[in-house]
Amino acid sequence: MYIVTNTVKVETGYAEGFIERFNRVGKIETKQGFMGLEVLLTMKTKGYEEITIVTRWEDMDGFLGWIGSEEFKESHAHRDGIPPFIIENKTTHYEVKVQRKPIPNKLAAN
């Protein structure tokens, strides 16, 4: 599995509006290799708000297919440049080496 995070610092008061952009079905859901997306809000920041967008992919090729697509370009086109409320952002790439899943508790089913 391949995971990409995009951590975005925004001016205080802009996080909820920024997060709302991700709260709808988009083009990414149709891309080969896409496994999921989560949007995280960092708690207890001071002087700014921080959002992390996590995308999960079957492999790096799936991610590269997404960022090379017309759909990606359209969804990331900033008509007037980067919005002024964005302070900074950082993208990080991960290769998942260990993954654990819960063991079903048969007693809980009774």
C-alpha atoms as a PDB file:
ATOM      1  CA  MET A   1       0.000   0.000   0.000  1.00  0.00           C
ATOM      2  CA  TYR A   2       1.112   3.549  -0.756  1.00  0.00           C
ATOM      3  CA  ILE A   3      -0.043   6.550   1.294  1.00  0.00           C
ATOM      4  CA  VAL A   4       0.299  10.237   0.479  1.00  0.00           C
ATOM      5  CA  THR A   5      -0.413  12.997   2.973  1.00  0.00           C
ATOM      6  CA  ASN A   6      -0.832  16.673   2.199  1.00  0.00           C
ATOM      7  CA  THR A   7      -0.620  18.762   5.365  1.00  0.00           C
ATOM      8  CA  VAL A   8      -1.943  22.288   4.911  1.00  0.00           C
ATOM      9  CA  LYS A   9      -1.639  25.151   7.396  1.00  0.00           C
ATOM     10  CA  VAL A  10      -4.363  27.778   7.008  1.00  0.00           C
ATOM     11  CA  GLU A  11      -5.202  30.995   8.789  1.00  0.00           C
ATOM     12  CA  THR A  12      -7.459  30.574  11.796  1.00  0.00           C
ATOM     13  CA  GLY A  13     -11.109  30.385  10.767  1.00  0.00           C
ATOM     14  CA  TYR A  14     -10.537  28.842   7.331  1.00  0.00           C
ATOM     15  CA  ALA A  15     -10.208  25.131   8.172  1.00  0.00           C
ATOM     16  CA  GLU A  16     -13.893  24.184   8.056  1.00  0.00           C
ATOM     17  CA  GLY A  17     -14.426  25.782   4.645  1.00  0.00           C
ATOM     18  CA  PHE A  18     -11.296  24.100   3.319  1.00  0.00           C
ATOM     19  CA  ILE A  19     -12.378  20.724   4.717  1.00  0.00           C
ATOM     20  CA  GLU A  20     -15.835  21.088   3.160  1.00  0.00           C
ATOM     21  CA  ARG A  21     -14.232  20.959  -0.303  1.00  0.00           C
ATOM     22  CA  PHE A  22     -13.436  17.292   0.353  1.00  0.00           C
ATOM     23  CA  ASN A  23     -16.870  16.356   1.710  1.00  0.00           C
ATOM     24  CA  ARG A  24     -18.305  15.309  -1.647  1.00  0.00           C
ATOM     25  CA  VAL A  25     -17.702  12.618  -4.217  1.00  0.00           C
ATOM     26  CA  GLY A  26     -15.072  13.697  -6.717  1.00  0.00           C
ATOM     27  CA  LYS A  27     -13.040  12.278  -9.569  1.00  0.00           C
ATOM     28  CA  ILE A  28     -10.450  10.550  -7.381  1.00  0.00           C
ATOM     29  CA  GLU A  29     -12.928   7.822  -6.407  1.00  0.00           C
ATOM     30  CA  THR A  30     -12.929   6.548  -9.997  1.00  0.00           C
ATOM     31  CA  LYS A  31      -9.157   6.213 -10.338  1.00  0.00           C
ATOM     32  CA  GLN A  32      -7.479   2.825 -10.628  1.00  0.00           C
ATOM     33  CA  GLY A  33      -5.731   1.876  -7.388  1.00  0.00           C
ATOM     34  CA  PHE A  34      -7.537   4.399  -5.161  1.00  0.00           C
ATOM     35  CA  MET A  35      -8.355   2.878  -1.763  1.00  0.00           C
ATOM     36  CA  GLY A  36      -9.614   5.789   0.302  1.00  0.00           C
ATOM     37  CA  LEU A  37      -9.283   9.350   1.530  1.00  0.00           C
ATOM     38  CA  GLU A  38      -9.447  10.851   5.000  1.00  0.00           C
ATOM     39  CA  VAL A  39      -9.317  14.508   6.037  1.00  0.00           C
ATOM     40  CA  LEU A  40      -7.850  15.143   9.483  1.00  0.00           C
ATOM     41  CA  LEU A  41      -7.972  18.329  11.560  1.00  0.00           C
ATOM     42  CA  THR A  42      -5.064  18.787  13.961  1.00  0.00           C
ATOM     43  CA  MET A  43      -6.283  19.581  17.455  1.00  0.00           C
ATOM     44  CA  LYS A  44      -5.054  22.396  19.704  1.00  0.00           C
ATOM     45  CA  THR A  45      -3.074  24.503  17.235  1.00  0.00           C
ATOM     46  CA  LYS A  46      -2.363  28.147  18.087  1.00  0.00           C
ATOM     47  CA  GLY A  47      -2.282  30.942  15.533  1.00  0.00           C
ATOM     48  CA  TYR A  48      -3.257  28.701  12.616  1.00  0.00           C
ATOM     49  CA  GLU A  49      -5.305  25.616  11.750  1.00  0.00           C
ATOM     50  CA  GLU A  50      -3.846  22.461  10.219  1.00  0.00           C
ATOM     51  CA  ILE A  51      -5.559  19.979   7.912  1.00  0.00           C
ATOM     52  CA  THR A  52      -4.033  16.729   6.670  1.00  0.00           C
ATOM     53  CA  ILE A  53      -5.475  15.000   3.624  1.00  0.00           C
ATOM     54  CA  VAL A  54      -4.564  11.308   3.544  1.00  0.00           C
ATOM     55  CA  THR A  55      -4.969   9.294   0.355  1.00  0.00           C
ATOM     56  CA  ARG A  56      -4.436   5.529   0.270  1.00  0.00           C
ATOM     57  CA  TRP A  57      -3.426   3.700  -2.913  1.00  0.00           C
ATOM     58  CA  GLU A  58      -2.791   0.088  -3.857  1.00  0.00           C
ATOM     59  CA  ASP A  59       0.668   1.145  -5.061  1.00  0.00           C
ATOM     60  CA  MET A  60       2.688   4.122  -6.271  1.00  0.00           C
ATOM     61  CA  ASP A  61       1.543   3.566  -9.859  1.00  0.00           C
ATOM     62  CA  GLY A  62      -2.056   4.257  -8.849  1.00  0.00           C
ATOM     63  CA  PHE A  63      -1.035   7.553  -7.252  1.00  0.00           C
ATOM     64  CA  LEU A  64       1.113   8.528 -10.234  1.00  0.00           C
ATOM     65  CA  GLY A  65      -1.814   7.752 -12.531  1.00  0.00           C
ATOM     66  CA  TRP A  66      -3.964  10.127 -10.477  1.00  0.00           C
ATOM     67  CA  ILE A  67      -1.539  13.054 -10.433  1.00  0.00           C
ATOM     68  CA  GLY A  68      -0.907  12.635 -14.166  1.00  0.00           C
ATOM     69  CA  SER A  69      -4.610  12.697 -15.019  1.00  0.00           C
ATOM     70  CA  GLU A  70      -6.708  15.527 -16.427  1.00  0.00           C
ATOM     71  CA  GLU A  71      -9.072  15.080 -13.463  1.00  0.00           C
ATOM     72  CA  PHE A  72      -6.225  15.860 -11.047  1.00  0.00           C
ATOM     73  CA  LYS A  73      -5.224  18.940 -13.004  1.00  0.00           C
ATOM     74  CA  GLU A  74      -8.825  20.184 -13.081  1.00  0.00           C
ATOM     75  CA  SER A  75      -9.369  19.599  -9.366  1.00  0.00           C
ATOM     76  CA  HIS A  76      -6.131  21.381  -8.440  1.00  0.00           C
ATOM     77  CA  ALA A  77      -6.416  24.348 -10.816  1.00  0.00           C
ATOM     78  CA  HIS A  78      -6.335  27.561  -8.800  1.00  0.00           C
ATOM     79  CA  ARG A  79      -7.935  30.230 -10.954  1.00  0.00           C
ATOM     80  CA  ASP A  80      -6.377  33.063  -8.955  1.00  0.00           C
ATOM     81  CA  GLY A  81      -3.290  31.271  -7.644  1.00  0.00           C
ATOM     82  CA  ILE A  82      -3.005  29.598  -4.269  1.00  0.00           C
ATOM     83  CA  PRO A  83      -5.699  30.940  -1.907  1.00  0.00           C
ATOM     84  CA  PRO A  84      -4.239  33.644   0.373  1.00  0.00           C
ATOM     85  CA  PHE A  85      -5.474  31.907   3.554  1.00  0.00           C
ATOM     86  CA  ILE A  86      -3.069  28.984   2.952  1.00  0.00           C
ATOM     87  CA  ILE A  87       0.082  29.580   4.975  1.00  0.00           C
ATOM     88  CA  GLU A  88       2.023  26.525   3.778  1.00  0.00           C
ATOM     89  CA  ASN A  89       1.648  22.912   2.795  1.00  0.00           C
ATOM     90  CA  LYS A  90       3.807  19.799   2.792  1.00  0.00           C
ATOM     91  CA  THR A  91       3.300  16.566   0.877  1.00  0.00           C
ATOM     92  CA  THR A  92       4.768  13.322   2.240  1.00  0.00           C
ATOM     93  CA  HIS A  93       4.837   9.869   0.629  1.00  0.00           C
ATOM     94  CA  TYR A  94       4.822   6.576   2.546  1.00  0.00           C
ATOM     95  CA  GLU A  95       5.189   2.931   1.663  1.00  0.00           C
ATOM     96  CA  VAL A  96       3.221   0.807   4.132  1.00  0.00           C
ATOM     97  CA  LYS A  97       5.483  -1.879   5.587  1.00  0.00           C
ATOM     98  CA  VAL A  98       3.223  -3.334   8.294  1.00  0.00           C
ATOM     99  CA  GLN A  99      -0.551  -3.337   8.490  1.00  0.00           C
ATOM    100  CA  ARG A 100      -2.636  -4.904  11.249  1.00  0.00           C
ATOM    101  CA  LYS A 101      -6.374  -5.419  11.359  1.00  0.00           C
ATOM    102  CA  PRO A 102      -8.710  -6.175  14.274  1.00  0.00           C
ATOM    103  CA  ILE A 103      -9.504  -9.760  15.164  1.00  0.00           C
ATOM    104  CA  PRO A 104     -13.288 -10.288  15.294  1.00  0.00           C
ATOM    105  CA  ASN A 105     -14.494 -10.970  18.818  1.00  0.00           C
ATOM    106  CA  LYS A 106     -16.933 -13.880  18.549  1.00  0.00           C
ATOM    107  CA  LEU A 107     -18.148 -13.266  22.105  1.00  0.00           C
ATOM    108  CA  ALA A 108     -19.278  -9.735  21.198  1.00  0.00           C
ATOM    109  CA  ALA A 109     -21.569 -11.138  18.492  1.00  0.00           C
ATOM    110  CA  ASN A 110     -23.696 -13.037  21.046  1.00  0.00           C
END
